[in-house]
Protein backbone atom coordinates (compact mmCIF):
# COMPACT_ATOMS: atom_id res chain seq x y z
CA MET A 1 0.00 0.00 0.00
CA ASN A 2 1.09 3.48 -0.84
CA GLU A 3 2.89 5.45 1.91
CA GLU A 4 0.59 8.47 1.52
CA VAL A 5 -2.48 6.24 1.89
CA GLN A 6 -1.07 4.70 5.07
CA LEU A 7 -0.34 8.16 6.44
CA ILE A 8 -3.97 9.26 5.83
CA LEU A 9 -5.32 6.09 7.47
CA ASP A 10 -2.99 6.45 10.47
CA GLU A 11 -4.04 10.07 10.93
CA LEU A 12 -7.71 9.03 10.74
CA LYS A 13 -7.21 6.34 13.38
CA GLU A 14 -5.37 8.80 15.64
CA ASN A 15 -8.21 11.34 15.31
CA LEU A 16 -10.79 8.64 16.08
CA ASP A 17 -8.87 7.54 19.18
CA LYS A 18 -8.76 11.17 20.34
CA ALA A 19 -12.53 11.48 19.82
CA ILE A 20 -13.17 8.41 22.02
CA GLU A 21 -10.74 9.71 24.64
CA HIS A 22 -12.52 13.07 24.66
CA LEU A 23 -15.92 11.39 25.07
CA GLU A 24 -14.64 9.32 28.01
CA HIS A 25 -13.31 12.53 29.60
CA GLN A 26 -16.66 14.28 29.07
CA PHE A 27 -18.48 11.31 30.62
CA THR A 28 -16.38 11.51 33.81
CA GLY A 29 -17.79 15.00 34.34
CA ILE A 30 -21.36 13.70 34.23
CA ARG A 31 -22.09 12.44 37.70
CA ALA A 32 -23.91 9.19 38.23
CA GLY A 33 -24.97 9.47 41.85
CA LYS A 34 -21.69 8.29 43.35
CA ALA A 35 -19.01 10.68 44.54
CA ASN A 36 -16.14 10.87 42.08
CA PRO A 37 -13.12 13.24 42.14
CA GLY A 38 -13.64 13.74 38.39
CA MET A 39 -16.79 15.71 39.21
CA LEU A 40 -14.57 18.62 40.23
CA SER A 41 -12.27 18.43 37.19
CA SER A 42 -13.76 21.60 35.70
CA VAL A 43 -13.24 23.67 38.88
CA LYS A 44 -10.61 26.39 38.58
CA VAL A 45 -9.25 28.10 41.70
CA ASP A 46 -7.84 31.64 41.94
CA TYR A 47 -4.37 30.65 43.15
CA TYR A 48 -2.54 33.90 43.87
CA GLY A 49 -4.00 35.65 40.82
CA THR A 50 -3.84 32.69 38.42
CA LEU A 51 -6.77 30.44 37.55
CA THR A 52 -5.45 26.98 38.37
CA PRO A 53 -7.18 23.57 38.17
CA LEU A 54 -8.31 22.41 41.62
CA SER A 55 -6.23 19.23 41.34
CA GLN A 56 -3.05 21.35 41.21
CA VAL A 57 -3.68 23.09 44.55
CA ALA A 58 -5.22 20.25 46.57
CA ASN A 59 -5.71 16.51 46.94
CA VAL A 60 -9.17 15.56 45.69
CA GLY A 61 -10.53 12.22 46.88
CA THR A 62 -13.58 10.40 48.17
CA MET A 63 -14.35 9.36 51.73
CA ASP A 64 -17.29 7.17 50.73
CA SER A 65 -19.75 6.87 47.86
CA GLN A 66 -21.50 10.12 48.85
CA THR A 67 -18.62 12.37 50.01
CA ILE A 68 -15.79 14.14 48.18
CA THR A 69 -12.93 15.63 50.18
CA VAL A 70 -10.63 18.39 48.99
CA GLN A 71 -7.51 18.77 51.09
CA PRO A 72 -5.56 21.89 50.05
CA TRP A 73 -1.81 21.98 50.43
CA ASP A 74 -2.13 25.55 51.74
CA LYS A 75 -4.85 25.89 54.41
CA LYS A 76 -5.36 29.57 53.47
CA MET A 77 -6.88 28.28 50.21
CA ILE A 78 -9.92 26.66 51.91
CA PRO A 79 -12.28 29.67 51.49
CA VAL A 80 -11.05 30.23 47.92
CA ILE A 81 -11.68 26.58 47.06
CA GLU A 82 -15.18 26.71 48.59
CA LYS A 83 -15.98 29.80 46.52
CA ALA A 84 -14.61 28.20 43.33
CA ILE A 85 -16.77 25.09 43.83
CA LEU A 86 -19.86 27.25 44.36
CA THR A 87 -18.98 29.42 41.34
CA ALA A 88 -18.54 26.35 39.13
CA ASN A 89 -22.30 25.81 39.53
CA LEU A 90 -22.10 22.03 39.88
CA GLY A 91 -24.96 21.89 42.37
CA PHE A 92 -22.70 21.18 45.34
CA ASN A 93 -22.70 22.94 48.70
CA PRO A 94 -19.18 22.65 50.16
CA THR A 95 -18.43 22.86 53.87
CA ASN A 96 -15.09 22.96 55.65
CA ASN A 97 -13.78 21.56 58.90
CA GLY A 98 -10.72 23.80 59.12
CA GLU A 99 -8.52 21.13 57.52
CA SER A 100 -10.32 20.34 54.27
CA VAL A 101 -13.39 21.06 52.15
CA ILE A 102 -16.10 18.42 52.31
CA ILE A 103 -18.76 17.98 49.65
CA ASN A 104 -21.77 15.77 50.22
CA VAL A 105 -23.03 14.46 46.90
CA PRO A 106 -26.82 14.29 47.14
CA PRO A 107 -28.58 11.32 45.55
CA LEU A 108 -29.98 12.08 42.12
CA THR A 109 -33.69 12.61 41.56
CA GLU A 110 -35.38 10.78 38.68
CA GLU A 111 -35.77 14.08 36.84
CA ARG A 112 -32.05 14.85 37.23
CA ARG A 113 -31.14 11.34 36.04
CA ILE A 114 -33.15 11.90 32.86
CA GLN A 115 -31.43 15.28 32.38
CA LEU A 116 -27.99 13.71 32.78
CA THR A 117 -28.91 10.92 30.34
CA LYS A 118 -29.87 13.55 27.76
CA GLN A 119 -26.56 15.32 28.40
CA ALA A 120 -24.66 12.04 27.87
CA LYS A 121 -26.58 11.40 24.62
CA ALA A 122 -25.73 14.90 23.39
CA GLU A 123 -22.02 14.32 24.11
CA ALA A 124 -22.15 10.98 22.29
CA GLU A 125 -23.92 12.53 19.29
CA SER A 126 -21.34 15.32 19.19
CA THR A 127 -18.58 12.70 19.15
CA LYS A 128 -20.32 10.82 16.32
CA VAL A 129 -20.50 14.04 14.29
CA GLY A 130 -16.77 14.54 14.85
CA ILE A 131 -16.08 10.97 13.74
CA ARG A 132 -18.13 11.48 10.58
CA ASN A 133 -16.21 14.70 9.88
CA ASP A 134 -12.94 12.78 10.26
CA ARG A 135 -14.26 10.22 7.75
CA ARG A 136 -15.17 12.97 5.28
CA GLU A 137 -11.69 14.52 5.58
CA ALA A 138 -9.96 11.17 5.13
CA LEU A 139 -12.03 10.33 2.04
CA HIS A 140 -11.36 13.80 0.65
CA ASP A 141 -7.60 13.35 1.17
CA LEU A 142 -7.72 9.91 -0.47
CA LYS A 143 -9.52 11.34 -3.52
CA LYS A 144 -6.64 13.79 -4.01
CA LEU A 145 -4.25 10.85 -4.46
CA ASP A 146 -3.68 9.25 -7.85
CA LEU A 147 -5.22 5.82 -7.20
CA SER A 148 -7.01 3.30 -9.35
CA GLU A 149 -10.80 3.22 -9.05
CA ASP A 150 -10.72 -0.26 -7.49
CA MET A 151 -8.09 0.80 -4.96
CA HIS A 152 -10.11 3.89 -4.10
CA ASN A 153 -13.32 1.85 -3.64
CA ASN A 154 -11.51 -0.67 -1.42
CA LEU A 155 -10.08 2.14 0.71
CA GLU A 156 -13.55 3.70 1.06
CA ILE A 157 -14.84 0.36 2.36
CA ASP A 158 -11.90 0.08 4.78
CA VAL A 159 -12.48 3.62 6.06
CA GLN A 160 -16.21 2.96 6.52
CA GLU A 161 -15.50 -0.25 8.46
CA LEU A 162 -13.14 1.67 10.75
CA ILE A 163 -15.74 4.42 11.25
CA ASP A 164 -18.45 1.83 12.04
CA LYS A 165 -16.16 0.25 14.64
CA TYR A 166 -15.66 3.61 16.38
CA ILE A 167 -19.37 4.53 16.20
CA ASP A 168 -20.05 1.19 17.93
CA LYS A 169 -17.52 2.14 20.63
CA VAL A 170 -19.37 5.42 21.17
CA ASN A 171 -22.69 3.56 21.44
CA GLN A 172 -21.20 1.10 23.95
CA LEU A 173 -19.77 3.92 26.08
CA LEU A 174 -23.13 5.73 25.98
CA GLU A 175 -25.03 2.59 26.93
CA LYS A 176 -22.67 1.98 29.85
CA LYS A 177 -22.98 5.61 31.04
CA GLU A 178 -26.78 5.59 30.75
CA LYS A 179 -26.93 2.40 32.81
CA GLU A 180 -24.59 3.98 35.39
CA ILE A 181 -26.75 7.14 35.59
CA MET A 182 -30.09 5.32 35.81
CA THR A 183 -28.94 2.80 38.45
CA VAL A 184 -30.15 3.95 41.83
């Protein structure tokens, strides 16, 4: 197989892997009733004038399935961390015990579970659109090459099979996340 063709296919596979990785990252931010340090991954703290990810100024962990603890390395940061969590609008009400910030994760209502499922579906659909765009770009790049019609048709089939495999991965991840969200 032509070196240019292999380069296009490798780039396509790399882009598809990144799309799946991005979806998995997005799914960690969607809470499923259990406390998870990933729920605070979007929180940025004003650390001496610089917006810094929470994980870079404190240890974020879980005490149990309903409690997240944030233990800052600098105790003066406790009020700043509390404010950042409230500002992030995640629906959490942090408290502090003088040593760390404690967040009780309330159980999800049925209505909220349905909302989160819709959010997960939207993320999955967005990923599928990205995958289809990657397919379009790859096919466009392959058309630019000087290939026989049979070779081009075979490559189109190969690209479509790869795309189908990744769309199935997205569907599996979505199904797993929906089950996780809807399980009480």
